[in-house]
Amino acid sequence: MIPSRVDATLPELAPFVHAVQARRPDDGTWCEAWTVRDVLIHRTGNAEELARVLQAFVSGTPVETRGFEREAPYRRMSDSELWSAFLSRCEHLTEVAAAAARDLSPDTEVM
C-alpha cells in the first residue's frame, strides 16, 4: 500500500497507517476531542503544507505557513477519498524532499 520510496523517506508512516486502520474513523484518540479521522485529516494537511513550504524554500521564494484552514477540504471528503488524498500528499512530500536533497548544498543555511 505504501510505495517503498515513501516508506524509506517517511518511516513513521507505516506504523501510523496500521494504527489508524485498526480503528474506526469516529473512535476517540489520546488527543482529547480528536477522532481518528481528525488525526488523519490533520496529517494529510501537514503533508501538503510541508511539501508546499519546502518546495517554496528550495525555489527561493519562502511562504508563510498556513493554519488549520488548510484541513477544510479534507473534512468534506469521504473516508476513501481521504485515504487517497493522504497517500497522495505523502507521496508528493517524498518527491519534494528528494528534490530538495538534490538541490540544496550541504552548507545551505536553514532557519
C-alpha atoms as a PDB file:
ATOM      1  CA  MET A   1       0.000   0.000   0.000  1.00  0.00           C
ATOM      2  CA  ILE A   2       2.834   2.422   0.812  1.00  0.00           C
ATOM      3  CA  PRO A   3       5.357   2.769  -2.029  1.00  0.00           C
ATOM      4  CA  SER A   4       8.874   1.785  -0.942  1.00  0.00           C
ATOM      5  CA  ARG A   5      10.356   5.238  -1.666  1.00  0.00           C
ATOM      6  CA  VAL A   6       7.699   6.828   0.549  1.00  0.00           C
ATOM      7  CA  ASP A   7       8.305   4.263   3.288  1.00  0.00           C
ATOM      8  CA  ALA A   8      12.053   4.942   3.161  1.00  0.00           C
ATOM      9  CA  THR A   9      11.561   8.714   3.428  1.00  0.00           C
ATOM     10  CA  LEU A  10       8.732   8.619   5.979  1.00  0.00           C
ATOM     11  CA  PRO A  11       9.445   5.537   8.136  1.00  0.00           C
ATOM     12  CA  GLU A  12       6.822   6.544  10.706  1.00  0.00           C
ATOM     13  CA  LEU A  13       4.115   6.332   8.067  1.00  0.00           C
ATOM     14  CA  ALA A  14       3.578   2.546   8.082  1.00  0.00           C
ATOM     15  CA  PRO A  15       3.009   2.300  11.859  1.00  0.00           C
ATOM     16  CA  PHE A  16       0.666   5.297  11.655  1.00  0.00           C
ATOM     17  CA  VAL A  17      -1.337   3.726   8.807  1.00  0.00           C
ATOM     18  CA  HIS A  18      -1.595   0.412  10.674  1.00  0.00           C
ATOM     19  CA  ALA A  19      -2.754   2.161  13.855  1.00  0.00           C
ATOM     20  CA  VAL A  20      -5.391   4.198  12.012  1.00  0.00           C
ATOM     21  CA  GLN A  21      -6.669   1.225  10.025  1.00  0.00           C
ATOM     22  CA  ALA A  22      -7.056  -0.791  13.217  1.00  0.00           C
ATOM     23  CA  ARG A  23      -9.663   1.683  14.481  1.00  0.00           C
ATOM     24  CA  ARG A  24     -12.897   3.190  13.262  1.00  0.00           C
ATOM     25  CA  PRO A  25     -12.757   6.763  11.900  1.00  0.00           C
ATOM     26  CA  ASP A  26     -15.047   8.052  14.664  1.00  0.00           C
ATOM     27  CA  ASP A  27     -13.084   6.421  17.515  1.00  0.00           C
ATOM     28  CA  GLY A  28     -11.523   8.768  20.041  1.00  0.00           C
ATOM     29  CA  THR A  29      -7.771   9.264  20.430  1.00  0.00           C
ATOM     30  CA  TRP A  30      -5.286  10.366  23.089  1.00  0.00           C
ATOM     31  CA  CYS A  31      -5.713  13.868  21.655  1.00  0.00           C
ATOM     32  CA  GLU A  32      -8.761  14.957  23.607  1.00  0.00           C
ATOM     33  CA  ALA A  33     -11.785  15.707  21.397  1.00  0.00           C
ATOM     34  CA  TRP A  34      -9.995  14.404  18.254  1.00  0.00           C
ATOM     35  CA  THR A  35     -11.237  11.337  16.434  1.00  0.00           C
ATOM     36  CA  VAL A  36      -9.076   9.008  14.369  1.00  0.00           C
ATOM     37  CA  ARG A  37     -10.473  10.749  11.292  1.00  0.00           C
ATOM     38  CA  ASP A  38      -9.499  14.166  12.722  1.00  0.00           C
ATOM     39  CA  VAL A  39      -5.913  12.990  13.169  1.00  0.00           C
ATOM     40  CA  LEU A  40      -5.823  11.599   9.621  1.00  0.00           C
ATOM     41  CA  ILE A  41      -7.161  14.903   8.278  1.00  0.00           C
ATOM     42  CA  HIS A  42      -4.522  16.778  10.272  1.00  0.00           C
ATOM     43  CA  ARG A  43      -1.692  14.554   8.998  1.00  0.00           C
ATOM     44  CA  THR A  44      -2.959  14.945   5.416  1.00  0.00           C
ATOM     45  CA  GLY A  45      -2.944  18.727   5.759  1.00  0.00           C
ATOM     46  CA  ASN A  46       0.512  18.595   7.346  1.00  0.00           C
ATOM     47  CA  ALA A  47       1.954  16.562   4.464  1.00  0.00           C
ATOM     48  CA  GLU A  48       0.504  19.034   1.966  1.00  0.00           C
ATOM     49  CA  GLU A  49       1.794  22.022   3.931  1.00  0.00           C
ATOM     50  CA  LEU A  50       5.281  20.619   4.487  1.00  0.00           C
ATOM     51  CA  ALA A  51       5.638  19.939   0.760  1.00  0.00           C
ATOM     52  CA  ARG A  52       4.354  23.414  -0.128  1.00  0.00           C
ATOM     53  CA  VAL A  53       6.671  25.209   2.297  1.00  0.00           C
ATOM     54  CA  LEU A  54       9.732  23.104   1.438  1.00  0.00           C
ATOM     55  CA  GLN A  55       9.171  23.491  -2.301  1.00  0.00           C
ATOM     56  CA  ALA A  56       8.868  27.271  -1.917  1.00  0.00           C
ATOM     57  CA  PHE A  57      12.025  27.414   0.214  1.00  0.00           C
ATOM     58  CA  VAL A  58      14.044  25.412  -2.302  1.00  0.00           C
ATOM     59  CA  SER A  59      12.823  27.623  -5.151  1.00  0.00           C
ATOM     60  CA  GLY A  60      13.974  30.692  -3.217  1.00  0.00           C
ATOM     61  CA  THR A  61      10.509  32.080  -2.561  1.00  0.00           C
ATOM     62  CA  PRO A  62       9.676  31.157   1.055  1.00  0.00           C
ATOM     63  CA  VAL A  63       5.993  31.276   2.011  1.00  0.00           C
ATOM     64  CA  GLU A  64       4.143  31.663   5.274  1.00  0.00           C
ATOM     65  CA  THR A  65       2.808  28.506   6.879  1.00  0.00           C
ATOM     66  CA  ARG A  66      -0.981  28.286   6.724  1.00  0.00           C
ATOM     67  CA  GLY A  67      -3.128  27.426   9.724  1.00  0.00           C
ATOM     68  CA  PHE A  68      -5.761  24.781  10.285  1.00  0.00           C
ATOM     69  CA  GLU A  69      -7.916  26.176   7.456  1.00  0.00           C
ATOM     70  CA  ARG A  70      -5.782  24.005   5.158  1.00  0.00           C
ATOM     71  CA  GLU A  71      -7.673  20.992   6.541  1.00  0.00           C
ATOM     72  CA  ALA A  72     -11.140  22.154   5.430  1.00  0.00           C
ATOM     73  CA  PRO A  73     -11.139  20.396   2.021  1.00  0.00           C
ATOM     74  CA  TYR A  74     -10.223  17.102   3.667  1.00  0.00           C
ATOM     75  CA  ARG A  75     -13.109  17.333   6.135  1.00  0.00           C
ATOM     76  CA  ARG A  76     -15.556  17.279   3.209  1.00  0.00           C
ATOM     77  CA  MET A  77     -14.089  14.070   1.725  1.00  0.00           C
ATOM     78  CA  SER A  78     -15.436  10.572   2.164  1.00  0.00           C
ATOM     79  CA  ASP A  79     -13.214   8.149   4.077  1.00  0.00           C
ATOM     80  CA  SER A  80     -11.927   6.524   0.877  1.00  0.00           C
ATOM     81  CA  GLU A  81     -11.223   9.917  -0.730  1.00  0.00           C
ATOM     82  CA  LEU A  82      -9.399  10.997   2.423  1.00  0.00           C
ATOM     83  CA  TRP A  83      -7.165   7.887   2.361  1.00  0.00           C
ATOM     84  CA  SER A  84      -6.318   8.529  -1.274  1.00  0.00           C
ATOM     85  CA  ALA A  85      -5.547  12.178  -0.526  1.00  0.00           C
ATOM     86  CA  PHE A  86      -3.404  11.239   2.474  1.00  0.00           C
ATOM     87  CA  LEU A  87      -1.299   8.786   0.493  1.00  0.00           C
ATOM     88  CA  SER A  88      -1.056  11.183  -2.443  1.00  0.00           C
ATOM     89  CA  ARG A  89       0.131  14.055  -0.216  1.00  0.00           C
ATOM     90  CA  CYS A  90       2.702  11.781   1.438  1.00  0.00           C
ATOM     91  CA  GLU A  91       3.983  10.711  -1.989  1.00  0.00           C
ATOM     92  CA  HIS A  92       4.223  14.340  -3.089  1.00  0.00           C
ATOM     93  CA  LEU A  93       6.068  15.274   0.117  1.00  0.00           C
ATOM     94  CA  THR A  94       8.529  12.448  -0.583  1.00  0.00           C
ATOM     95  CA  GLU A  95       9.131  13.774  -4.105  1.00  0.00           C
ATOM     96  CA  VAL A  96       9.656  17.336  -2.850  1.00  0.00           C
ATOM     97  CA  ALA A  97      12.026  16.137  -0.106  1.00  0.00           C
ATOM     98  CA  ALA A  98      14.058  14.137  -2.641  1.00  0.00           C
ATOM     99  CA  ALA A  99      14.282  17.160  -4.943  1.00  0.00           C
ATOM    100  CA  ALA A 100      15.303  19.367  -2.018  1.00  0.00           C
ATOM    101  CA  ALA A 101      18.028  16.915  -1.033  1.00  0.00           C
ATOM    102  CA  ARG A 102      19.399  17.072  -4.583  1.00  0.00           C
ATOM    103  CA  ASP A 103      19.042  20.845  -4.974  1.00  0.00           C
ATOM    104  CA  LEU A 104      20.316  22.114  -1.631  1.00  0.00           C
ATOM    105  CA  SER A 105      24.032  22.131  -0.958  1.00  0.00           C
ATOM    106  CA  PRO A 106      25.160  20.733   2.417  1.00  0.00           C
ATOM    107  CA  ASP A 107      26.093  24.209   3.636  1.00  0.00           C
ATOM    108  CA  THR A 108      22.695  25.808   2.863  1.00  0.00           C
ATOM    109  CA  GLU A 109      21.563  27.819   5.870  1.00  0.00           C
ATOM    110  CA  VAL A 110      18.098  26.762   7.010  1.00  0.00           C
ATOM    111  CA  MET A 111      16.375  28.924   9.572  1.00  0.00           C
END
